[in-house]
Amino acid sequence: MATTITSATLTVTLTESISLNGSDQGATNTLTIASVNEVSKRIITVEDATNGTEVYKGGAASGAGQFISANVKYIRLTNLDDTNFVVLHLEGNSHYSQHKLEAGKSFILPTPVGFDNNADIDNYSAETITTIQAKADSADVDLEVFVACT
């Protein structure tokens, strides 16, 4: 008997809670993504090794560990370590950037499309992220990777 995959709505809620001088300065924002029919959630050990560990791959076709870039609607990377940071290396065909992800923090991308490393904002040229690599600071780090696709 074949199983039919039904789509669902992904709800992401970000809440900041802070009171300064007796005044609430917090906020709650909710993002909903309809028609999600594929999710991938895994915890991967990231090492302090040459070239890091590939944690995401996108392209025109799906495959083992690879997503169809046009279908990816949400990516979250969370550093589960309590001490060490990781460096995230985001790369497209000709663009790249690195970001430090400290212990206990998350990095969220609403889509892998729309990426540029141009120093001049007036010359923005969107490109698609095709790979994300992570490299641990000085000791192995567990990284949670969550990807949602339509």
Protein backbone atom coordinates (compact mmCIF):
# COMPACT_ATOMS: atom_id res chain seq x y z
CA MET A 1 0.00 0.00 0.00
CA ALA A 2 1.48 3.33 -1.08
CA THR A 3 1.60 6.17 1.41
CA THR A 4 0.49 9.59 0.24
CA ILE A 5 2.50 12.50 1.56
CA THR A 6 0.30 15.41 2.49
CA SER A 7 1.61 18.91 2.85
CA ALA A 8 1.46 20.90 6.04
CA THR A 9 2.06 24.44 7.25
CA LEU A 10 5.31 25.16 9.07
CA THR A 11 4.94 27.77 11.80
CA VAL A 12 8.07 29.50 13.11
CA THR A 13 7.67 31.78 16.13
CA LEU A 14 10.44 34.10 17.32
CA THR A 15 9.93 35.67 20.73
CA GLU A 16 12.13 38.26 22.39
CA SER A 17 11.29 38.96 26.01
CA ILE A 18 12.88 41.96 27.73
CA SER A 19 11.81 44.75 30.02
CA LEU A 20 13.92 47.92 30.18
CA ASN A 21 13.18 50.60 32.77
CA GLY A 22 9.85 48.91 33.50
CA SER A 23 8.74 49.00 29.86
CA ASP A 24 8.20 45.87 27.75
CA GLN A 25 10.49 46.00 24.71
CA GLY A 26 9.92 42.41 23.62
CA ALA A 27 8.25 41.17 20.47
CA THR A 28 6.77 38.03 18.95
CA ASN A 29 6.85 37.45 15.22
CA THR A 30 5.36 34.45 13.46
CA LEU A 31 6.21 33.13 10.02
CA THR A 32 4.00 30.55 8.33
CA ILE A 33 5.10 28.56 5.31
CA ALA A 34 2.29 26.70 3.55
CA SER A 35 2.51 23.50 1.53
CA VAL A 36 5.62 22.05 3.19
CA ASN A 37 5.89 18.42 2.13
CA GLU A 38 9.49 17.64 3.01
CA VAL A 39 11.57 18.29 6.11
CA SER A 40 15.01 17.17 7.08
CA LYS A 41 16.20 17.44 10.66
CA ARG A 42 19.49 16.04 11.83
CA ILE A 43 22.26 16.61 14.30
CA ILE A 44 25.70 16.43 12.76
CA THR A 45 29.08 16.52 14.49
CA VAL A 46 31.20 19.32 13.05
CA GLU A 47 34.96 18.92 13.42
CA ASP A 48 37.84 21.36 13.41
CA ALA A 49 39.17 19.88 10.16
CA THR A 50 40.48 21.30 6.91
CA ASN A 51 37.60 22.61 4.78
CA GLY A 52 35.06 21.84 7.51
CA THR A 53 32.01 19.60 7.24
CA GLU A 54 29.37 20.01 4.55
CA VAL A 55 25.99 20.40 6.29
CA TYR A 56 23.77 21.54 3.37
CA LYS A 57 23.81 21.06 -0.39
CA GLY A 58 21.37 22.55 -2.89
CA GLY A 59 20.99 22.23 -6.63
CA ALA A 60 18.60 21.61 -9.50
CA ALA A 61 17.86 18.01 -8.51
CA SER A 62 17.37 16.17 -5.23
CA GLY A 63 19.64 13.37 -4.15
CA ALA A 64 21.31 11.90 -1.11
CA GLY A 65 21.76 14.88 1.21
CA GLN A 66 20.86 17.38 -1.54
CA PHE A 67 17.80 19.60 -1.86
CA ILE A 68 16.19 21.27 -4.87
CA SER A 69 17.15 24.89 -4.16
CA ALA A 70 13.96 26.38 -5.63
CA ASN A 71 11.88 24.28 -3.20
CA VAL A 72 13.80 25.18 -0.02
CA LYS A 73 11.75 27.65 2.04
CA TYR A 74 13.51 27.57 5.43
CA ILE A 75 16.93 26.59 6.79
CA ARG A 76 17.93 26.69 10.46
CA LEU A 77 21.36 25.84 11.83
CA THR A 78 21.67 25.69 15.63
CA ASN A 79 24.96 25.32 17.48
CA LEU A 80 24.14 22.87 20.29
CA ASP A 81 27.50 23.32 22.03
CA ASP A 82 27.72 25.29 25.28
CA THR A 83 31.27 26.61 24.71
CA ASN A 84 32.63 26.43 21.18
CA PHE A 85 31.62 28.37 18.08
CA VAL A 86 31.49 27.20 14.48
CA VAL A 87 32.28 29.11 11.32
CA LEU A 88 29.60 28.77 8.64
CA HIS A 89 30.80 29.04 5.05
CA LEU A 90 27.97 29.79 2.60
CA GLU A 91 28.89 29.39 -1.05
CA GLY A 92 27.21 29.85 -4.42
CA ASN A 93 28.67 29.60 -7.91
CA SER A 94 30.87 32.67 -7.49
CA HIS A 95 29.78 34.25 -4.18
CA TYR A 96 30.62 33.22 -0.63
CA SER A 97 30.54 34.48 2.94
CA GLN A 98 31.51 33.28 6.39
CA HIS A 99 29.57 33.77 9.61
CA LYS A 100 30.52 32.97 13.21
CA LEU A 101 27.81 30.98 14.98
CA GLU A 102 28.42 31.13 18.70
CA ALA A 103 27.53 28.38 21.18
CA GLY A 104 23.79 28.02 21.75
CA LYS A 105 22.77 30.33 18.90
CA SER A 106 20.87 29.79 15.65
CA PHE A 107 21.34 31.00 12.08
CA ILE A 108 18.17 31.17 9.98
CA LEU A 109 17.80 31.54 6.22
CA PRO A 110 14.31 31.96 4.77
CA THR A 111 15.61 30.64 1.42
CA PRO A 112 18.97 29.86 -0.18
CA VAL A 113 18.13 32.24 -3.05
CA GLY A 114 19.18 35.90 -2.95
CA PHE A 115 22.78 35.69 -1.78
CA ASP A 116 25.54 38.17 -2.72
CA ASN A 117 29.02 39.05 -1.46
CA ASN A 118 29.35 42.31 -3.38
CA ALA A 119 30.86 45.10 -1.27
CA ASP A 120 28.57 47.65 -2.92
CA ILE A 121 24.84 47.39 -2.09
CA ASP A 122 23.98 49.27 -5.31
CA ASN A 123 25.41 46.39 -7.39
CA TYR A 124 23.50 43.52 -5.76
CA SER A 125 23.42 40.37 -7.89
CA ALA A 126 21.43 37.54 -6.35
CA GLU A 127 22.85 34.05 -6.44
CA THR A 128 21.73 30.75 -4.91
CA ILE A 129 23.61 29.13 -2.04
CA THR A 130 24.70 25.71 -3.25
CA THR A 131 26.61 24.54 -0.20
CA ILE A 132 27.00 25.32 3.49
CA GLN A 133 30.06 24.06 5.31
CA ALA A 134 30.73 24.33 9.02
CA LYS A 135 34.07 24.24 10.84
CA ALA A 136 34.36 23.91 14.61
CA ASP A 137 36.47 26.34 16.62
CA SER A 138 38.72 24.06 18.68
CA ALA A 139 36.65 20.99 19.60
CA ASP A 140 33.87 18.98 17.96
CA VAL A 141 30.50 20.75 17.95
CA ASP A 142 27.04 19.26 17.43
CA LEU A 143 25.07 21.29 14.89
CA GLU A 144 21.33 20.83 14.39
CA VAL A 145 20.30 21.27 10.75
CA PHE A 146 16.62 21.77 9.87
CA VAL A 147 15.49 22.25 6.25
CA ALA A 148 11.87 22.63 5.06
CA CYS A 149 10.85 22.33 1.39
CA THR A 150 7.65 22.66 -0.61
